[in-house]
C-alpha cells in the first residue's frame, strides 16, 4: 500500500535502518553465527508474502532427510514472554498462531520453539534438542543472528522492487537489503506464468552474482477439513459460504474460492487477529443468515484461533495450502547441500 502523503518521512526511516544495517555490516553491532546450519526466512516488506507455507515446506523437506530440524519463531501475538517449546499442551495464546499451526502439521517430527530474544532462544533450542538444522522464521531484519543461508520472499503481485520504505510504502528496510539473500523466492505466482515473464521478472530483481531465484505458487488442497470431517471442493458449488480470515492478504484465497462458489460472504479481520466473544457473535449471526445449505470456512492459520470457541468448532472448516516451486529439485538440492556441507 502506497501512502504518498507520508513520503517525506521515509528518508528518516531509511537513515535509521541504513545506519543500523551498516553497523552490523562493519561489525560494530555483533551478529552471532552458529556451527549448526541456520536457514533464515523473511521478507523486506511488512507481512503478506506467504512466509508460513515456505517455512512448512522447509520443515517437511528437512525432516524427510532424517535431519533433526528445529524452527524458531518470535511467537507474534502470544500472551506470554520468554522461551517456550511448543507441545501438545500448548495453545496459540501461549506460543502464537503460526508456531501452533506448524505443530498441528508436524507434531513431533520437528521441534518448534518461540522466543522474542532470538540469540539465547536459538542457543537453547540448538543445544537442548541437539539440532542438525535450525529454521529462523521471519528473521530477515533480526540481524543479531547471522544465518548461514537466507531465503528472501517477495509477493509476485507486490514485489519489493516496486515498493517504498515505511511509512510511505511497506518496506522495512531498503531494497538493497536483498543482497544478503542466497535465494530470492517469488511467491503467490499465477499458475500460468511463462518463461518469458520469469525472465522479465528476474531482470527487475537485479540479482547479485550467485543469487538464485525461484518462483512458487500456492497449492490449495483438494479437500477442506474440519475437526473430524473433510469435503471435496465440489461440495462448495452448491453452498452458501461464510469465509472468515485474519491474514495479511486474503485476496488470493478469495479468488481461488470464487472458482468453486459465487455465493461467498467474506468477514475480514486484521492479520493475527485475536478473536473475541463479540467477534464470534458477529460470525454466528452472519452464518445463521445464510440459510440451511451453508458452510463456514477459514484458513489453516485462522482455524488455530477460531477452533477454541466451542460453538464454532463443529461447524468450522479450513482449507490447507502448500506451495509448488518451479524447479523443486534444484531448490531442494540447494537447501540440502547447504545443510550437509555445514
C-alpha atoms as a PDB file:
ATOM      1  CA  UNK A   1       0.000   0.000   0.000  1.00  0.00           C
ATOM      2  CA  UNK A   2       1.423   3.371  -1.036  1.00  0.00           C
ATOM      3  CA  UNK A   3       0.873   6.357   1.248  1.00  0.00           C
ATOM      4  CA  UNK A   4       2.377   9.238  -0.712  1.00  0.00           C
ATOM      5  CA  UNK A   5       1.439  11.848   1.886  1.00  0.00           C
ATOM      6  CA  UNK A   6       3.926  10.175   4.253  1.00  0.00           C
ATOM      7  CA  UNK A   7       6.770  10.113   1.749  1.00  0.00           C
ATOM      8  CA  UNK A   8       8.714  12.978   3.476  1.00  0.00           C
ATOM      9  CA  UNK A   9       9.180  10.694   6.489  1.00  0.00           C
ATOM     10  CA  UNK A  10      10.608   7.742   4.517  1.00  0.00           C
ATOM     11  CA  UNK A  11      14.126   9.267   4.196  1.00  0.00           C
ATOM     12  CA  UNK A  12      14.267   9.470   8.008  1.00  0.00           C
ATOM     13  CA  UNK A  13      13.294   5.804   8.255  1.00  0.00           C
ATOM     14  CA  UNK A  14      15.868   4.973   5.581  1.00  0.00           C
ATOM     15  CA  UNK A  15      18.581   6.754   7.551  1.00  0.00           C
ATOM     16  CA  UNK A  16      17.767   4.867  10.761  1.00  0.00           C
ATOM     17  CA  UNK A  17      17.577   1.421   9.161  1.00  0.00           C
ATOM     18  CA  UNK A  18      20.546   2.146   6.875  1.00  0.00           C
ATOM     19  CA  UNK A  19      22.787   3.117   9.803  1.00  0.00           C
ATOM     20  CA  UNK A  20      21.664   0.026  11.715  1.00  0.00           C
ATOM     21  CA  UNK A  21      22.499  -2.264   8.793  1.00  0.00           C
ATOM     22  CA  UNK A  22      25.852  -0.545   8.307  1.00  0.00           C
ATOM     23  CA  UNK A  23      26.731  -1.114  11.971  1.00  0.00           C
ATOM     24  CA  UNK A  24      26.010  -4.813  11.518  1.00  0.00           C
ATOM     25  CA  UNK A  25      27.925  -4.939   8.221  1.00  0.00           C
ATOM     26  CA  UNK A  26      31.098  -3.443   9.731  1.00  0.00           C
ATOM     27  CA  UNK A  27      30.849  -5.405  12.974  1.00  0.00           C
ATOM     28  CA  UNK A  28      30.073  -2.661  15.491  1.00  0.00           C
ATOM     29  CA  UNK A  29      26.771  -4.382  16.159  1.00  0.00           C
ATOM     30  CA  UNK A  30      27.525  -8.082  16.533  1.00  0.00           C
ATOM     31  CA  UNK A  31      25.787 -10.881  14.676  1.00  0.00           C
ATOM     32  CA  UNK A  32      26.026 -14.330  16.260  1.00  0.00           C
ATOM     33  CA  UNK A  33      26.885 -17.260  13.997  1.00  0.00           C
ATOM     34  CA  UNK A  34      26.322 -20.917  14.840  1.00  0.00           C
ATOM     35  CA  UNK A  35      28.146 -24.110  13.931  1.00  0.00           C
ATOM     36  CA  UNK A  36      24.749 -25.684  13.343  1.00  0.00           C
ATOM     37  CA  UNK A  37      23.360 -24.728   9.901  1.00  0.00           C
ATOM     38  CA  UNK A  38      20.826 -21.906  10.204  1.00  0.00           C
ATOM     39  CA  UNK A  39      18.343 -21.016   7.445  1.00  0.00           C
ATOM     40  CA  UNK A  40      16.631 -17.644   7.716  1.00  0.00           C
ATOM     41  CA  UNK A  41      13.271 -16.959   6.046  1.00  0.00           C
ATOM     42  CA  UNK A  42      11.883 -13.458   5.770  1.00  0.00           C
ATOM     43  CA  UNK A  43      10.924 -10.509   3.633  1.00  0.00           C
ATOM     44  CA  UNK A  44      11.696  -6.839   3.124  1.00  0.00           C
ATOM     45  CA  UNK A  45       8.054  -5.821   3.371  1.00  0.00           C
ATOM     46  CA  UNK A  46       5.525  -5.895   6.184  1.00  0.00           C
ATOM     47  CA  UNK A  47       3.666  -9.220   6.062  1.00  0.00           C
ATOM     48  CA  UNK A  48       1.639 -10.926   3.364  1.00  0.00           C
ATOM     49  CA  UNK A  49       4.392 -12.646   1.355  1.00  0.00           C
ATOM     50  CA  UNK A  50       3.326 -16.222   2.105  1.00  0.00           C
ATOM     51  CA  UNK A  51       6.015 -16.985   4.649  1.00  0.00           C
ATOM     52  CA  UNK A  52       4.172 -19.701   6.588  1.00  0.00           C
ATOM     53  CA  UNK A  53       3.825 -22.138   3.643  1.00  0.00           C
ATOM     54  CA  UNK A  54       7.532 -21.702   2.832  1.00  0.00           C
ATOM     55  CA  UNK A  55       8.545 -22.463   6.423  1.00  0.00           C
ATOM     56  CA  UNK A  56       6.277 -25.523   6.353  1.00  0.00           C
ATOM     57  CA  UNK A  57       7.832 -26.643   3.080  1.00  0.00           C
ATOM     58  CA  UNK A  58      11.337 -26.370   4.562  1.00  0.00           C
ATOM     59  CA  UNK A  59      10.296 -28.194   7.723  1.00  0.00           C
ATOM     60  CA  UNK A  60       8.877 -31.044   5.660  1.00  0.00           C
ATOM     61  CA  UNK A  61      11.879 -31.202   3.326  1.00  0.00           C
ATOM     62  CA  UNK A  62      14.476 -31.243   6.100  1.00  0.00           C
ATOM     63  CA  UNK A  63      12.648 -33.685   8.361  1.00  0.00           C
ATOM     64  CA  UNK A  64      12.264 -36.091   5.434  1.00  0.00           C
ATOM     65  CA  UNK A  65      16.054 -36.143   5.196  1.00  0.00           C
ATOM     66  CA  UNK A  66      16.186 -37.553   8.743  1.00  0.00           C
ATOM     67  CA  UNK A  67      17.655 -34.260   9.938  1.00  0.00           C
ATOM     68  CA  UNK A  68      16.824 -33.172  13.469  1.00  0.00           C
ATOM     69  CA  UNK A  69      15.013 -29.965  12.476  1.00  0.00           C
ATOM     70  CA  UNK A  70      14.038 -27.010  14.638  1.00  0.00           C
ATOM     71  CA  UNK A  71      12.014 -23.887  13.869  1.00  0.00           C
ATOM     72  CA  UNK A  72      12.399 -20.764  15.993  1.00  0.00           C
ATOM     73  CA  UNK A  73       9.757 -18.055  15.870  1.00  0.00           C
ATOM     74  CA  UNK A  74       9.154 -14.887  17.806  1.00  0.00           C
ATOM     75  CA  UNK A  75       5.621 -16.111  18.500  1.00  0.00           C
ATOM     76  CA  UNK A  76       3.863 -12.994  17.275  1.00  0.00           C
ATOM     77  CA  UNK A  77       0.599 -12.217  19.088  1.00  0.00           C
ATOM     78  CA  UNK A  78       1.143 -14.566  22.018  1.00  0.00           C
ATOM     79  CA  UNK A  79       0.293 -13.517  25.557  1.00  0.00           C
ATOM     80  CA  UNK A  80       3.477 -14.908  27.109  1.00  0.00           C
ATOM     81  CA  UNK A  81       7.127 -13.918  27.221  1.00  0.00           C
ATOM     82  CA  UNK A  82      10.349 -15.870  27.131  1.00  0.00           C
ATOM     83  CA  UNK A  83      11.361 -19.180  25.635  1.00  0.00           C
ATOM     84  CA  UNK A  84       8.769 -21.922  25.111  1.00  0.00           C
ATOM     85  CA  UNK A  85       8.877 -25.220  23.231  1.00  0.00           C
ATOM     86  CA  UNK A  86       5.575 -25.983  21.514  1.00  0.00           C
ATOM     87  CA  UNK A  87       3.969 -29.244  22.652  1.00  0.00           C
ATOM     88  CA  UNK A  88       0.610 -30.999  22.946  1.00  0.00           C
ATOM     89  CA  UNK A  89      -0.368 -28.804  25.907  1.00  0.00           C
ATOM     90  CA  UNK A  90       0.359 -25.535  24.069  1.00  0.00           C
ATOM     91  CA  UNK A  91      -2.201 -23.188  22.559  1.00  0.00           C
ATOM     92  CA  UNK A  92      -1.962 -20.118  20.344  1.00  0.00           C
ATOM     93  CA  UNK A  93      -2.246 -17.661  23.252  1.00  0.00           C
ATOM     94  CA  UNK A  94       0.941 -19.138  24.734  1.00  0.00           C
ATOM     95  CA  UNK A  95       3.048 -19.545  21.577  1.00  0.00           C
ATOM     96  CA  UNK A  96       1.306 -17.705  18.707  1.00  0.00           C
ATOM     97  CA  UNK A  97      -0.837 -18.984  15.862  1.00  0.00           C
ATOM     98  CA  UNK A  98       1.873 -19.761  13.291  1.00  0.00           C
ATOM     99  CA  UNK A  99       4.007 -21.932  15.633  1.00  0.00           C
ATOM    100  CA  UNK A 100       0.819 -23.717  16.697  1.00  0.00           C
ATOM    101  CA  UNK A 101      -0.113 -24.250  13.051  1.00  0.00           C
ATOM    102  CA  UNK A 102       3.318 -25.780  12.426  1.00  0.00           C
ATOM    103  CA  UNK A 103       2.893 -28.109  15.381  1.00  0.00           C
ATOM    104  CA  UNK A 104      -0.559 -29.216  14.186  1.00  0.00           C
ATOM    105  CA  UNK A 105       1.032 -30.144  10.844  1.00  0.00           C
ATOM    106  CA  UNK A 106       4.187 -31.880  12.042  1.00  0.00           C
ATOM    107  CA  UNK A 107       3.637 -32.825  15.700  1.00  0.00           C
ATOM    108  CA  UNK A 108       6.934 -34.249  16.996  1.00  0.00           C
ATOM    109  CA  UNK A 109       8.585 -34.700  13.584  1.00  0.00           C
ATOM    110  CA  UNK A 110      10.247 -31.309  14.169  1.00  0.00           C
ATOM    111  CA  UNK A 111      10.914 -29.140  17.214  1.00  0.00           C
ATOM    112  CA  UNK A 112       9.219 -25.727  17.347  1.00  0.00           C
ATOM    113  CA  UNK A 113      10.071 -23.030  19.867  1.00  0.00           C
ATOM    114  CA  UNK A 114       9.302 -19.359  20.407  1.00  0.00           C
ATOM    115  CA  UNK A 115      11.498 -16.664  21.878  1.00  0.00           C
ATOM    116  CA  UNK A 116      11.403 -12.898  21.427  1.00  0.00           C
ATOM    117  CA  UNK A 117      15.142 -12.902  22.180  1.00  0.00           C
ATOM    118  CA  UNK A 118      16.437 -14.759  19.168  1.00  0.00           C
ATOM    119  CA  UNK A 119      20.089 -15.337  20.141  1.00  0.00           C
ATOM    120  CA  UNK A 120      19.541 -17.029  23.536  1.00  0.00           C
ATOM    121  CA  UNK A 121      16.468 -18.787  22.109  1.00  0.00           C
ATOM    122  CA  UNK A 122      18.474 -20.225  19.219  1.00  0.00           C
ATOM    123  CA  UNK A 123      21.326 -21.272  21.503  1.00  0.00           C
ATOM    124  CA  UNK A 124      18.976 -23.094  23.870  1.00  0.00           C
ATOM    125  CA  UNK A 125      16.963 -24.783  21.115  1.00  0.00           C
ATOM    126  CA  UNK A 126      20.062 -26.000  19.266  1.00  0.00           C
ATOM    127  CA  UNK A 127      21.751 -27.202  22.448  1.00  0.00           C
ATOM    128  CA  UNK A 128      18.771 -28.768  24.237  1.00  0.00           C
ATOM    129  CA  UNK A 129      17.426 -30.528  21.167  1.00  0.00           C
ATOM    130  CA  UNK A 130      20.763 -31.415  19.523  1.00  0.00           C
ATOM    131  CA  UNK A 131      19.570 -29.986  16.210  1.00  0.00           C
ATOM    132  CA  UNK A 132      21.062 -30.721  12.803  1.00  0.00           C
ATOM    133  CA  UNK A 133      19.490 -27.575  11.306  1.00  0.00           C
ATOM    134  CA  UNK A 134      17.548 -24.552  12.539  1.00  0.00           C
ATOM    135  CA  UNK A 135      14.995 -22.582  10.509  1.00  0.00           C
ATOM    136  CA  UNK A 136      14.521 -18.987  11.655  1.00  0.00           C
ATOM    137  CA  UNK A 137      11.021 -17.713  10.976  1.00  0.00           C
ATOM    138  CA  UNK A 138      10.675 -14.038   9.950  1.00  0.00           C
ATOM    139  CA  UNK A 139      14.349 -13.360  10.550  1.00  0.00           C
ATOM    140  CA  UNK A 140      15.464 -11.037   7.787  1.00  0.00           C
ATOM    141  CA  UNK A 141      15.690  -7.864   9.904  1.00  0.00           C
ATOM    142  CA  UNK A 142      16.716  -9.705  13.102  1.00  0.00           C
ATOM    143  CA  UNK A 143      20.392  -9.362  12.389  1.00  0.00           C
ATOM    144  CA  UNK A 144      21.698 -10.306  15.826  1.00  0.00           C
ATOM    145  CA  UNK A 145      21.739 -13.821  14.370  1.00  0.00           C
ATOM    146  CA  UNK A 146      23.645 -14.373  11.145  1.00  0.00           C
ATOM    147  CA  UNK A 147      22.060 -17.250   9.242  1.00  0.00           C
ATOM    148  CA  UNK A 148      24.375 -19.226   7.031  1.00  0.00           C
ATOM    149  CA  UNK A 149      21.629 -19.176   4.419  1.00  0.00           C
ATOM    150  CA  UNK A 150      18.919 -16.554   3.787  1.00  0.00           C
ATOM    151  CA  UNK A 151      15.718 -17.010   1.784  1.00  0.00           C
ATOM    152  CA  UNK A 152      14.071 -13.712   0.895  1.00  0.00           C
ATOM    153  CA  UNK A 153      10.401 -13.775  -0.119  1.00  0.00           C
ATOM    154  CA  UNK A 154       8.560 -11.309  -2.321  1.00  0.00           C
ATOM    155  CA  UNK A 155       4.930 -11.403  -3.458  1.00  0.00           C
ATOM    156  CA  UNK A 156       4.646 -11.697  -7.257  1.00  0.00           C
ATOM    157  CA  UNK A 157       1.924  -9.028  -7.438  1.00  0.00           C
ATOM    158  CA  UNK A 158       3.545  -6.723  -4.882  1.00  0.00           C
ATOM    159  CA  UNK A 159       7.329  -7.025  -5.371  1.00  0.00           C
ATOM    160  CA  UNK A 160       9.825  -5.181  -3.237  1.00  0.00           C
ATOM    161  CA  UNK A 161      11.365  -3.507  -6.299  1.00  0.00           C
ATOM    162  CA  UNK A 162       8.105  -1.582  -6.796  1.00  0.00           C
ATOM    163  CA  UNK A 163       7.633  -0.765  -3.120  1.00  0.00           C
ATOM    164  CA  UNK A 164       8.853   2.089  -0.916  1.00  0.00           C
ATOM    165  CA  UNK A 165      10.127   2.397   2.603  1.00  0.00           C
ATOM    166  CA  UNK A 166       7.839   2.847   5.554  1.00  0.00           C
ATOM    167  CA  UNK A 167       5.778   4.844   6.227  1.00  0.00           C
ATOM    168  CA  UNK A 168       5.089   5.772   2.567  1.00  0.00           C
ATOM    169  CA  UNK A 169       5.290   2.112   1.490  1.00  0.00           C
ATOM    170  CA  UNK A 170       5.585  -1.275   3.199  1.00  0.00           C
ATOM    171  CA  UNK A 171       9.349  -1.910   3.129  1.00  0.00           C
ATOM    172  CA  UNK A 172      11.008  -2.488   6.495  1.00  0.00           C
ATOM    173  CA  UNK A 173      14.395  -1.677   5.010  1.00  0.00           C
ATOM    174  CA  UNK A 174      15.921  -0.537   1.731  1.00  0.00           C
ATOM    175  CA  UNK A 175      15.639  -2.711  -1.388  1.00  0.00           C
ATOM    176  CA  UNK A 176      19.430  -3.086  -1.193  1.00  0.00           C
ATOM    177  CA  UNK A 177      18.883  -5.451   1.750  1.00  0.00           C
ATOM    178  CA  UNK A 178      18.065  -8.127  -0.823  1.00  0.00           C
ATOM    179  CA  UNK A 179      21.823  -8.576  -1.336  1.00  0.00           C
ATOM    180  CA  UNK A 180      22.017 -10.616   1.895  1.00  0.00           C
ATOM    181  CA  UNK A 181      19.881 -13.429   0.432  1.00  0.00           C
ATOM    182  CA  UNK A 182      21.218 -16.596  -1.164  1.00  0.00           C
ATOM    183  CA  UNK A 183      17.749 -17.313  -2.601  1.00  0.00           C
ATOM    184  CA  UNK A 184      15.008 -14.913  -3.630  1.00  0.00           C
ATOM    185  CA  UNK A 185      11.668 -16.701  -3.832  1.00  0.00           C
ATOM    186  CA  UNK A 186       8.828 -15.040  -5.698  1.00  0.00           C
ATOM    187  CA  UNK A 187       5.639 -16.233  -4.011  1.00  0.00           C
ATOM    188  CA  UNK A 188       1.948 -16.422  -4.966  1.00  0.00           C
ATOM    189  CA  UNK A 189       2.729 -16.589  -8.674  1.00  0.00           C
ATOM    190  CA  UNK A 190      -0.051 -17.225 -11.190  1.00  0.00           C
ATOM    191  CA  UNK A 191      -0.218 -20.847 -12.316  1.00  0.00           C
ATOM    192  CA  UNK A 192       0.228 -19.890 -15.988  1.00  0.00           C
ATOM    193  CA  UNK A 193       3.443 -17.899 -15.506  1.00  0.00           C
ATOM    194  CA  UNK A 194       5.649 -18.498 -18.560  1.00  0.00           C
ATOM    195  CA  UNK A 195       9.427 -18.422 -19.040  1.00  0.00           C
ATOM    196  CA  UNK A 196       9.425 -15.030 -20.768  1.00  0.00           C
ATOM    197  CA  UNK A 197       7.545 -13.490 -17.841  1.00  0.00           C
ATOM    198  CA  UNK A 198      10.003 -15.101 -15.431  1.00  0.00           C
ATOM    199  CA  UNK A 199      12.998 -13.665 -17.297  1.00  0.00           C
ATOM    200  CA  UNK A 200      11.457 -10.196 -17.234  1.00  0.00           C
ATOM    201  CA  UNK A 201      10.773 -10.506 -13.507  1.00  0.00           C
ATOM    202  CA  UNK A 202      14.303 -11.716 -12.785  1.00  0.00           C
ATOM    203  CA  UNK A 203      15.664  -8.699 -14.666  1.00  0.00           C
ATOM    204  CA  UNK A 204      13.668  -6.396 -12.375  1.00  0.00           C
ATOM    205  CA  UNK A 205      15.027  -8.182  -9.287  1.00  0.00           C
ATOM    206  CA  UNK A 206      18.603  -7.188 -10.250  1.00  0.00           C
ATOM    207  CA  UNK A 207      20.172 -10.181  -8.560  1.00  0.00           C
ATOM    208  CA  UNK A 208      23.802 -10.295  -7.493  1.00  0.00           C
ATOM    209  CA  UNK A 209      26.134 -12.976  -8.894  1.00  0.00           C
ATOM    210  CA  UNK A 210      25.498 -16.259  -7.101  1.00  0.00           C
ATOM    211  CA  UNK A 211      21.965 -15.455  -6.011  1.00  0.00           C
ATOM    212  CA  UNK A 212      19.281 -17.871  -7.150  1.00  0.00           C
ATOM    213  CA  UNK A 213      15.623 -17.107  -7.834  1.00  0.00           C
ATOM    214  CA  UNK A 214      12.683 -19.498  -7.639  1.00  0.00           C
ATOM    215  CA  UNK A 215       9.014 -18.950  -8.409  1.00  0.00           C
ATOM    216  CA  UNK A 216       6.348 -20.545  -6.251  1.00  0.00           C
ATOM    217  CA  UNK A 217       2.575 -20.700  -6.303  1.00  0.00           C
ATOM    218  CA  UNK A 218       0.004 -21.618  -3.695  1.00  0.00           C
ATOM    219  CA  UNK A 219      -1.252 -25.181  -3.958  1.00  0.00           C
ATOM    220  CA  UNK A 220      -4.712 -25.387  -2.428  1.00  0.00           C
ATOM    221  CA  UNK A 221      -5.708 -28.805  -1.140  1.00  0.00           C
ATOM    222  CA  UNK A 222      -8.418 -30.698  -2.981  1.00  0.00           C
ATOM    223  CA  UNK A 223     -10.315 -31.052   0.298  1.00  0.00           C
ATOM    224  CA  UNK A 224     -11.419 -28.771   3.075  1.00  0.00           C
ATOM    225  CA  UNK A 225     -11.230 -30.159   6.611  1.00  0.00           C
ATOM    226  CA  UNK A 226     -13.000 -29.765   9.920  1.00  0.00           C
ATOM    227  CA  UNK A 227     -12.402 -31.278  13.346  1.00  0.00           C
ATOM    228  CA  UNK A 228     -13.463 -34.749  12.192  1.00  0.00           C
ATOM    229  CA  UNK A 229     -14.649 -34.452   8.568  1.00  0.00           C
ATOM    230  CA  UNK A 230     -13.454 -33.457   5.143  1.00  0.00           C
ATOM    231  CA  UNK A 231     -15.236 -32.409   1.966  1.00  0.00           C
ATOM    232  CA  UNK A 232     -14.123 -32.201  -1.639  1.00  0.00           C
ATOM    233  CA  UNK A 233     -14.132 -28.802  -3.313  1.00  0.00           C
ATOM    234  CA  UNK A 234     -17.072 -29.872  -5.472  1.00  0.00           C
ATOM    235  CA  UNK A 235     -19.182 -29.681  -2.323  1.00  0.00           C
ATOM    236  CA  UNK A 236     -18.645 -25.929  -2.277  1.00  0.00           C
ATOM    237  CA  UNK A 237     -20.506 -25.269  -5.518  1.00  0.00           C
ATOM    238  CA  UNK A 238     -23.983 -25.537  -4.030  1.00  0.00           C
ATOM    239  CA  UNK A 239     -23.162 -23.953  -0.669  1.00  0.00           C
ATOM    240  CA  UNK A 240     -23.674 -20.513   0.805  1.00  0.00           C
ATOM    241  CA  UNK A 241     -20.186 -19.875   2.224  1.00  0.00           C
ATOM    242  CA  UNK A 242     -19.095 -17.649   5.063  1.00  0.00           C
ATOM    243  CA  UNK A 243     -15.351 -17.056   4.690  1.00  0.00           C
ATOM    244  CA  UNK A 244     -13.544 -15.800   7.807  1.00  0.00           C
ATOM    245  CA  UNK A 245      -9.970 -14.529   7.504  1.00  0.00           C
ATOM    246  CA  UNK A 246      -7.457 -12.912   9.812  1.00  0.00           C
ATOM    247  CA  UNK A 247      -4.471 -12.913   7.459  1.00  0.00           C
ATOM    248  CA  UNK A 248      -2.499 -10.082   5.870  1.00  0.00           C
ATOM    249  CA  UNK A 249      -3.585 -10.665   2.283  1.00  0.00           C
ATOM    250  CA  UNK A 250      -6.709 -12.770   1.644  1.00  0.00           C
ATOM    251  CA  UNK A 251      -7.253 -11.742  -1.995  1.00  0.00           C
ATOM    252  CA  UNK A 252      -5.581 -14.892  -3.408  1.00  0.00           C
ATOM    253  CA  UNK A 253      -7.740 -17.132  -1.215  1.00  0.00           C
ATOM    254  CA  UNK A 254     -10.888 -15.235  -2.191  1.00  0.00           C
ATOM    255  CA  UNK A 255     -10.054 -15.520  -5.900  1.00  0.00           C
ATOM    256  CA  UNK A 256      -9.453 -19.277  -5.578  1.00  0.00           C
ATOM    257  CA  UNK A 257     -12.660 -19.817  -3.623  1.00  0.00           C
ATOM    258  CA  UNK A 258     -14.739 -17.950  -6.193  1.00  0.00           C
ATOM    259  CA  UNK A 259     -13.778 -20.585  -8.757  1.00  0.00           C
ATOM    260  CA  UNK A 260     -15.942 -23.004  -6.796  1.00  0.00           C
ATOM    261  CA  UNK A 261     -18.688 -20.788  -5.442  1.00  0.00           C
ATOM    262  CA  UNK A 262     -20.115 -17.382  -6.272  1.00  0.00           C
ATOM    263  CA  UNK A 263     -22.075 -17.365  -3.029  1.00  0.00           C
ATOM    264  CA  UNK A 264     -19.359 -16.144  -0.676  1.00  0.00           C
ATOM    265  CA  UNK A 265     -19.732 -13.719   2.219  1.00  0.00           C
ATOM    266  CA  UNK A 266     -16.311 -12.597   3.483  1.00  0.00           C
ATOM    267  CA  UNK A 267     -15.688 -11.450   7.052  1.00  0.00           C
ATOM    268  CA  UNK A 268     -12.177  -9.981   7.062  1.00  0.00           C
ATOM    269  CA  UNK A 269     -10.237  -9.345  10.269  1.00  0.00           C
ATOM    270  CA  UNK A 270      -6.677  -7.981  10.740  1.00  0.00           C
ATOM    271  CA  UNK A 271      -3.660 -10.281  10.468  1.00  0.00           C
ATOM    272  CA  UNK A 272      -3.126 -12.427  13.601  1.00  0.00           C
ATOM    273  CA  UNK A 273      -6.436 -11.131  14.968  1.00  0.00           C
ATOM    274  CA  UNK A 274      -7.276 -12.417  18.426  1.00  0.00           C
ATOM    275  CA  UNK A 275     -10.938 -13.341  18.081  1.00  0.00           C
ATOM    276  CA  UNK A 276     -13.274 -12.269  20.895  1.00  0.00           C
ATOM    277  CA  UNK A 277     -16.708 -13.364  22.060  1.00  0.00           C
ATOM    278  CA  UNK A 278     -18.060 -10.282  20.302  1.00  0.00           C
ATOM    279  CA  UNK A 279     -16.434 -11.414  17.032  1.00  0.00           C
ATOM    280  CA  UNK A 280     -17.945 -14.865  17.427  1.00  0.00           C
ATOM    281  CA  UNK A 281     -21.412 -13.369  17.950  1.00  0.00           C
ATOM    282  CA  UNK A 282     -20.971 -11.417  14.716  1.00  0.00           C
ATOM    283  CA  UNK A 283     -19.729 -14.538  12.888  1.00  0.00           C
ATOM    284  CA  UNK A 284     -22.625 -16.593  14.254  1.00  0.00           C
ATOM    285  CA  UNK A 285     -25.198 -14.004  13.213  1.00  0.00           C
ATOM    286  CA  UNK A 286     -23.804 -13.792   9.674  1.00  0.00           C
ATOM    287  CA  UNK A 287     -23.611 -17.569   9.424  1.00  0.00           C
ATOM    288  CA  UNK A 288     -27.186 -18.191  10.538  1.00  0.00           C
ATOM    289  CA  UNK A 289     -28.470 -15.671   7.996  1.00  0.00           C
ATOM    290  CA  UNK A 290     -27.089 -17.774   5.152  1.00  0.00           C
ATOM    291  CA  UNK A 291     -29.832 -20.381   5.484  1.00  0.00           C
ATOM    292  CA  UNK A 292     -29.654 -24.163   5.663  1.00  0.00           C
ATOM    293  CA  UNK A 293     -27.218 -25.031   2.873  1.00  0.00           C
ATOM    294  CA  UNK A 294     -24.363 -23.109   4.461  1.00  0.00           C
ATOM    295  CA  UNK A 295     -20.713 -23.695   5.232  1.00  0.00           C
ATOM    296  CA  UNK A 296     -18.227 -21.840   7.431  1.00  0.00           C
ATOM    297  CA  UNK A 297     -14.691 -21.729   6.014  1.00  0.00           C
ATOM    298  CA  UNK A 298     -11.405 -20.242   7.190  1.00  0.00           C
ATOM    299  CA  UNK A 299      -7.659 -20.560   6.661  1.00  0.00           C
ATOM    300  CA  UNK A 300      -5.498 -23.153   8.380  1.00  0.00           C
ATOM    301  CA  UNK A 301      -3.839 -20.422  10.465  1.00  0.00           C
ATOM    302  CA  UNK A 302      -7.141 -18.825  11.498  1.00  0.00           C
ATOM    303  CA  UNK A 303      -8.544 -22.244  12.372  1.00  0.00           C
ATOM    304  CA  UNK A 304      -5.942 -22.490  15.147  1.00  0.00           C
ATOM    305  CA  UNK A 305      -7.576 -19.491  16.846  1.00  0.00           C
ATOM    306  CA  UNK A 306     -11.225 -19.985  15.922  1.00  0.00           C
ATOM    307  CA  UNK A 307     -11.473 -23.636  16.967  1.00  0.00           C
ATOM    308  CA  UNK A 308     -11.071 -22.597  20.617  1.00  0.00           C
ATOM    309  CA  UNK A 309     -14.679 -21.390  20.546  1.00  0.00           C
ATOM    310  CA  UNK A 310     -16.907 -24.377  21.308  1.00  0.00           C
ATOM    311  CA  UNK A 311     -19.834 -23.255  19.157  1.00  0.00           C
ATOM    312  CA  UNK A 312     -17.748 -22.697  16.030  1.00  0.00           C
ATOM    313  CA  UNK A 313     -15.605 -25.819  16.168  1.00  0.00           C
ATOM    314  CA  UNK A 314     -18.198 -28.372  14.901  1.00  0.00           C
ATOM    315  CA  UNK A 315     -19.267 -26.045  12.072  1.00  0.00           C
ATOM    316  CA  UNK A 316     -15.877 -24.748  11.005  1.00  0.00           C
ATOM    317  CA  UNK A 317     -13.821 -25.963   8.031  1.00  0.00           C
ATOM    318  CA  UNK A 318     -10.350 -24.861   6.968  1.00  0.00           C
ATOM    319  CA  UNK A 319      -8.561 -25.049   3.621  1.00  0.00           C
ATOM    320  CA  UNK A 320      -4.992 -26.417   3.849  1.00  0.00           C
ATOM    321  CA  UNK A 321      -2.381 -24.991   1.498  1.00  0.00           C
ATOM    322  CA  UNK A 322       1.139 -25.878   0.426  1.00  0.00           C
ATOM    323  CA  UNK A 323       3.432 -24.429  -2.232  1.00  0.00           C
ATOM    324  CA  UNK A 324       4.607 -25.581  -5.626  1.00  0.00           C
ATOM    325  CA  UNK A 325       8.101 -24.465  -6.673  1.00  0.00           C
ATOM    326  CA  UNK A 326       9.024 -24.115 -10.339  1.00  0.00           C
ATOM    327  CA  UNK A 327      12.305 -26.054 -10.026  1.00  0.00           C
ATOM    328  CA  UNK A 328      11.743 -28.114  -6.881  1.00  0.00           C
ATOM    329  CA  UNK A 329      14.694 -30.468  -7.337  1.00  0.00           C
ATOM    330  CA  UNK A 330      17.165 -27.598  -7.713  1.00  0.00           C
ATOM    331  CA  UNK A 331      15.664 -25.802  -4.734  1.00  0.00           C
ATOM    332  CA  UNK A 332      15.687 -28.939  -2.572  1.00  0.00           C
ATOM    333  CA  UNK A 333      19.262 -29.782  -3.570  1.00  0.00           C
ATOM    334  CA  UNK A 334      20.426 -26.234  -2.800  1.00  0.00           C
ATOM    335  CA  UNK A 335      18.959 -26.373   0.703  1.00  0.00           C
ATOM    336  CA  UNK A 336      20.109 -29.917   1.492  1.00  0.00           C
ATOM    337  CA  UNK A 337      23.606 -29.314   0.147  1.00  0.00           C
ATOM    338  CA  UNK A 338      23.986 -26.253   2.365  1.00  0.00           C
ATOM    339  CA  UNK A 339      22.960 -28.249   5.434  1.00  0.00           C
ATOM    340  CA  UNK A 340      25.082 -31.303   4.599  1.00  0.00           C
ATOM    341  CA  UNK A 341      28.206 -29.216   3.944  1.00  0.00           C
ATOM    342  CA  UNK A 342      27.908 -27.266   7.172  1.00  0.00           C
END
